[in-house]
Each structure stands twice: as structure tokens, then as C-alpha cells.
Amino acid sequence: MRITVFGATGAVGRRVVAEALRRGHEVTAVSRRPAAEGALPPGATVRTGDASDAGNVARLSAGQDIVIGATRPVAGREDELVAVTEALLTGLAPTGVRLLLVGGAATLTVPGTEGLTVVDTPGFPADVRPIALACARQLEVCRAERRVDWTYLSPPALLEPGVRTGGYRTGRDELLVDAAGRSAISMEDLAVALVDEAERPRHHRVRFTVGY
């Protein structure tokens, strides 16, 4: 496949690029600033581009099979996430290229709470709330979109660097927890799930989630 990854030098984006290359795909790795030497695995076609610019999106997505959006704004600029999502959708609308977005867990419902969402649980960290609410608005933007074949992936509660096991479970709108009540996945296995979805699409214009 021909895959463009926006946010390619970020924590998740780098792992998505590496996973796609590992499987033999042609990867265009896009970042807002020129990538530092060694920031991306060898084999990727590195491009500089702005995911908040629909024209950039259209240009860097031309002829591709799928675009993966793995951008994350810096603290204090969380609203940029919504603007980027709108630009990705606008840029891809005339191309017919699929969009696979890495979103947030904010709007997943918590098991056993009769529909309470993650962001509304008591004790939800205040410092994480701005990006959680931005991710909620990001999902709303996607759900209103009818031109693009989009897919939105919500990670579990805990997403950290770790090891690639290749194993995970999938769900839809409820937070996945293991037998110990832990909701987690490594960034490496999130990348596995993303590339699996790129190769074998099972979710169209819907959100899904993954976890151990």
C-alpha cells in the first residue's frame, strides 16, 4: 500500500511509520518541521507539510491508498486538533483517499457505569481535560463528515511506549479493560492495530477502540 502519515515524528506516528515499513508498504512520512536525522526509520519518504492546511493535505495524499493522522497539539493549543481534523477531511474529500485517525479515549463509556464517559468520571485529571475535550470535538467533526471514508481509533486509558506483542482486542464505544481492570496498550501495538485496519478495513465512518 501507499500510506501517508501525518504527525510522523510524534510518539505514535514514528511507530506507525516503522510498522508500515516493516510490512513492506510505501510510506510518506509528513511532519510540520523538517525531521531531524534519525527521527524516522530508513525507508520512508520524508516530506514537510502542515496537516492544518487542506491544500497541503491534498497534495501529500495524491495517489495514496490511505492517510493516517497521528498529530497531537502542544499543551495550551488543544483546539488545533479540531482544525487539523477539519483540514484533513477537506483536503481528502476530492481525492477518494481513506482517513484513519488516532483520536482520544475521552468519549468511550466506562464499563459498569451505565454510560458514563471517561472524561466525566470523578477524579479525571484536570491537566488532561483540555486535550480530552478537544478529542471529543474531533470525533464530532468526523461523525458529521459524509464525503470521506474515515475511521477513528480511540486508544485505551493508558497509552505508553512499550513492546510490540502483535496482540490486542477490539471494541467499539466502550473502554476495554483486562481482568485486573486495567485499560492499556503499548504504542507499538497501537501501531499494529492501525496498520491492520489500513490493510484490512473493518470500520467505515465509525469509531473503534483497542486494548489488551
Protein backbone atom coordinates (compact mmCIF):
# COMPACT_ATOMS: atom_id res chain seq x y z
CA MET A 1 0.00 0.00 0.00
CA ARG A 2 0.92 3.65 -0.37
CA ILE A 3 0.46 5.26 3.05
CA THR A 4 0.87 8.89 4.11
CA VAL A 5 1.36 9.51 7.83
CA PHE A 6 0.80 13.00 9.21
CA GLY A 7 2.46 13.59 12.57
CA ALA A 8 5.11 11.08 11.56
CA THR A 9 7.76 12.23 14.03
CA GLY A 10 5.45 12.03 17.05
CA ALA A 11 5.46 9.18 19.54
CA VAL A 12 2.66 7.26 17.81
CA GLY A 13 3.45 8.45 14.30
CA ARG A 14 7.04 7.14 14.39
CA ARG A 15 5.81 3.72 15.42
CA VAL A 16 3.16 3.68 12.69
CA VAL A 17 5.80 4.53 10.09
CA ALA A 18 8.06 1.76 11.41
CA GLU A 19 5.23 -0.81 11.47
CA ALA A 20 4.10 0.02 7.93
CA LEU A 21 7.65 -0.16 6.59
CA ARG A 22 8.16 -3.46 8.40
CA ARG A 23 5.29 -4.88 6.34
CA GLY A 24 6.67 -3.60 3.06
CA HIS A 25 4.39 -0.64 2.45
CA GLU A 26 5.48 2.59 0.75
CA VAL A 27 5.33 5.26 3.45
CA THR A 28 5.34 9.03 3.07
CA ALA A 29 6.19 10.45 6.49
CA VAL A 30 4.98 14.03 6.95
CA SER A 31 5.90 16.42 9.74
CA ARG A 32 5.38 20.14 10.19
CA ARG A 33 9.11 20.78 10.56
CA PRO A 34 12.00 19.05 8.78
CA ALA A 35 12.66 15.75 10.53
CA ALA A 36 15.93 15.54 12.41
CA GLU A 37 18.40 12.90 11.29
CA GLY A 38 17.42 9.57 12.81
CA ALA A 39 13.95 10.75 13.81
CA LEU A 40 12.37 8.35 11.32
CA PRO A 41 13.30 4.82 10.29
CA PRO A 42 15.14 4.43 6.98
CA GLY A 43 12.96 3.65 4.01
CA ALA A 44 10.30 6.31 4.50
CA THR A 45 9.85 9.15 2.02
CA VAL A 46 10.12 12.20 4.25
CA ARG A 47 8.10 15.32 3.47
CA THR A 48 7.46 18.60 5.26
CA GLY A 49 3.83 19.62 5.38
CA ASP A 50 1.12 21.12 7.53
CA ALA A 51 -1.89 18.94 8.31
CA SER A 52 -3.90 22.06 9.16
CA ASP A 53 -3.61 23.20 5.53
CA ALA A 54 -6.13 21.41 3.32
CA GLY A 55 -4.04 22.17 0.25
CA ASN A 56 -1.01 20.50 1.80
CA VAL A 57 -3.15 17.53 2.72
CA ALA A 58 -4.48 17.14 -0.82
CA ARG A 59 -1.00 17.45 -2.34
CA LEU A 60 0.66 14.96 0.01
CA SER A 61 -2.19 12.48 -0.28
CA ALA A 62 -2.45 12.38 -4.06
CA GLY A 63 -2.15 8.84 -5.36
CA GLN A 64 -2.08 7.29 -1.88
CA ASP A 65 -4.25 4.45 -0.62
CA ILE A 66 -4.75 5.79 2.89
CA VAL A 67 -3.80 8.69 5.13
CA ILE A 68 -3.11 8.11 8.81
CA GLY A 69 -3.43 11.16 11.06
CA ALA A 70 -1.37 10.91 14.25
CA THR A 71 -0.92 14.58 15.10
CA ARG A 72 -1.10 15.96 18.64
CA PRO A 73 -1.04 19.67 19.58
CA VAL A 74 1.19 21.02 22.31
CA ALA A 75 -0.33 21.91 25.67
CA GLY A 76 -2.30 25.14 25.53
CA ARG A 77 -3.15 24.73 21.84
CA GLU A 78 -5.50 21.79 22.07
CA ASP A 79 -8.08 23.43 19.77
CA GLU A 80 -5.64 22.93 16.91
CA LEU A 81 -6.63 19.27 16.92
CA VAL A 82 -10.10 20.12 15.64
CA ALA A 83 -8.73 22.48 12.96
CA VAL A 84 -6.31 19.80 11.76
CA THR A 85 -9.10 17.23 11.55
CA GLU A 86 -11.26 19.59 9.52
CA ALA A 87 -8.35 20.29 7.17
CA LEU A 88 -7.61 16.58 6.73
CA LEU A 89 -11.22 15.88 5.84
CA THR A 90 -11.46 18.87 3.49
CA GLY A 91 -8.19 18.01 1.78
CA LEU A 92 -9.13 14.37 1.30
CA ALA A 93 -12.74 14.94 0.21
CA PRO A 94 -11.99 15.28 -3.53
CA THR A 95 -9.32 12.55 -3.56
CA GLY A 96 -11.23 9.43 -2.51
CA VAL A 97 -8.39 8.54 -0.13
CA ARG A 98 -9.34 6.92 3.18
CA LEU A 99 -8.51 8.58 6.51
CA LEU A 100 -7.54 6.70 9.66
CA LEU A 101 -7.30 8.98 12.69
CA VAL A 102 -5.66 8.42 16.05
CA GLY A 103 -8.10 10.03 18.46
CA GLY A 104 -8.67 10.03 22.19
CA ALA A 105 -10.41 7.92 24.81
CA ALA A 106 -12.49 10.77 26.28
CA THR A 107 -15.86 9.71 24.90
CA LEU A 108 -15.53 5.97 25.48
CA THR A 109 -18.00 4.74 28.08
CA VAL A 110 -16.67 3.13 31.24
CA PRO A 111 -17.82 -0.45 31.88
CA GLY A 112 -20.29 -0.81 34.71
CA THR A 113 -21.20 2.88 34.93
CA GLU A 114 -24.39 2.91 32.82
CA GLY A 115 -22.86 5.07 30.11
CA LEU A 116 -20.54 7.43 31.99
CA THR A 117 -17.74 8.57 29.68
CA VAL A 118 -14.07 8.55 30.57
CA VAL A 119 -13.80 12.34 30.66
CA ASP A 120 -16.76 12.62 33.02
CA THR A 121 -15.53 10.11 35.60
CA PRO A 122 -14.82 11.52 39.08
CA GLY A 123 -11.18 12.40 39.53
CA PHE A 124 -10.42 12.71 35.84
CA PRO A 125 -7.07 14.62 35.74
CA ALA A 126 -7.61 18.35 35.22
CA ASP A 127 -4.41 18.75 33.21
CA VAL A 128 -5.59 16.18 30.66
CA ARG A 129 -9.11 17.58 30.35
CA PRO A 130 -8.35 20.16 27.59
CA ILE A 131 -6.96 17.55 25.17
CA ALA A 132 -9.71 15.11 26.15
CA LEU A 133 -12.40 17.67 25.26
CA ALA A 134 -10.58 18.50 22.02
CA CYS A 135 -10.62 14.81 21.11
CA ALA A 136 -14.35 14.71 21.84
CA ARG A 137 -14.90 17.60 19.41
CA GLN A 138 -12.62 15.88 16.91
CA LEU A 139 -14.87 12.83 16.94
CA GLU A 140 -17.95 15.04 16.47
CA VAL A 141 -16.35 16.57 13.36
CA CYS A 142 -15.72 13.11 11.95
CA ARG A 143 -19.24 11.90 12.66
CA ALA A 144 -20.66 14.85 10.73
CA GLU A 145 -18.49 14.05 7.69
CA ARG A 146 -20.15 12.32 4.72
CA ARG A 147 -17.61 12.84 1.95
CA VAL A 148 -14.61 10.92 3.29
CA ASP A 149 -14.27 7.26 4.26
CA TRP A 150 -12.89 7.93 7.74
CA THR A 151 -12.10 5.70 10.72
CA TYR A 152 -11.43 6.96 14.24
CA LEU A 153 -9.33 4.90 16.65
CA SER A 154 -9.71 5.63 20.36
CA PRO A 155 -6.82 4.26 22.44
CA PRO A 156 -7.40 2.80 25.91
CA ALA A 157 -6.89 4.82 29.08
CA LEU A 158 -3.15 4.15 29.21
CA LEU A 159 -1.02 4.51 26.09
CA GLU A 160 2.73 4.35 26.64
CA PRO A 161 5.89 3.21 24.85
CA GLY A 162 6.42 -0.49 25.38
CA VAL A 163 6.90 -3.69 23.43
CA ARG A 164 5.31 -4.98 20.25
CA THR A 165 3.38 -8.16 21.06
CA GLY A 166 1.15 -8.07 17.99
CA GLY A 167 -1.85 -8.92 20.16
CA TYR A 168 -4.83 -6.77 21.12
CA ARG A 169 -8.61 -6.81 21.40
CA THR A 170 -11.00 -4.51 19.57
CA GLY A 171 -14.21 -2.82 20.71
CA ARG A 172 -16.47 -0.02 19.64
CA ASP A 173 -17.61 2.63 22.10
CA GLU A 174 -16.79 1.11 25.50
CA LEU A 175 -13.40 1.30 27.19
CA LEU A 176 -11.64 -2.07 27.04
CA VAL A 177 -10.27 -3.33 30.37
CA ASP A 178 -8.48 -6.55 31.23
CA ALA A 179 -9.29 -9.00 34.02
CA ALA A 180 -7.47 -6.77 36.51
CA GLY A 181 -9.50 -3.72 35.47
CA ARG A 182 -6.57 -2.14 33.59
CA SER A 183 -7.15 -0.33 30.30
CA ALA A 184 -3.88 -0.14 28.36
CA ILE A 185 -1.92 -0.86 25.22
CA SER A 186 1.63 -0.10 24.12
CA MET A 187 2.21 2.48 21.39
CA GLU A 188 3.84 -0.31 19.41
CA ASP A 189 0.69 -2.45 19.49
CA LEU A 190 -1.49 0.57 18.75
CA ALA A 191 0.58 0.95 15.58
CA VAL A 192 -0.03 -2.72 14.81
CA ALA A 193 -3.79 -2.14 15.16
CA LEU A 194 -3.65 0.93 12.92
CA VAL A 195 -1.78 -0.81 10.12
CA ASP A 196 -4.01 -3.87 10.46
CA GLU A 197 -7.02 -1.60 9.91
CA ALA A 198 -5.28 0.06 6.96
CA GLU A 199 -4.64 -3.33 5.35
CA ARG A 200 -7.98 -4.95 6.18
CA PRO A 201 -10.61 -2.25 6.70
CA ARG A 202 -13.36 -3.31 9.09
CA HIS A 203 -14.57 0.08 10.30
CA HIS A 204 -16.04 2.70 7.98
CA ARG A 205 -17.21 6.09 9.26
CA VAL A 206 -17.22 4.76 12.82
CA ARG A 207 -15.02 4.83 15.91
CA PHE A 208 -13.38 1.73 17.31
CA THR A 209 -11.05 1.09 20.20
CA VAL A 210 -8.33 -1.37 21.13
CA GLY A 211 -6.70 -2.68 24.28
CA TYR A 212 -5.23 -5.75 25.89
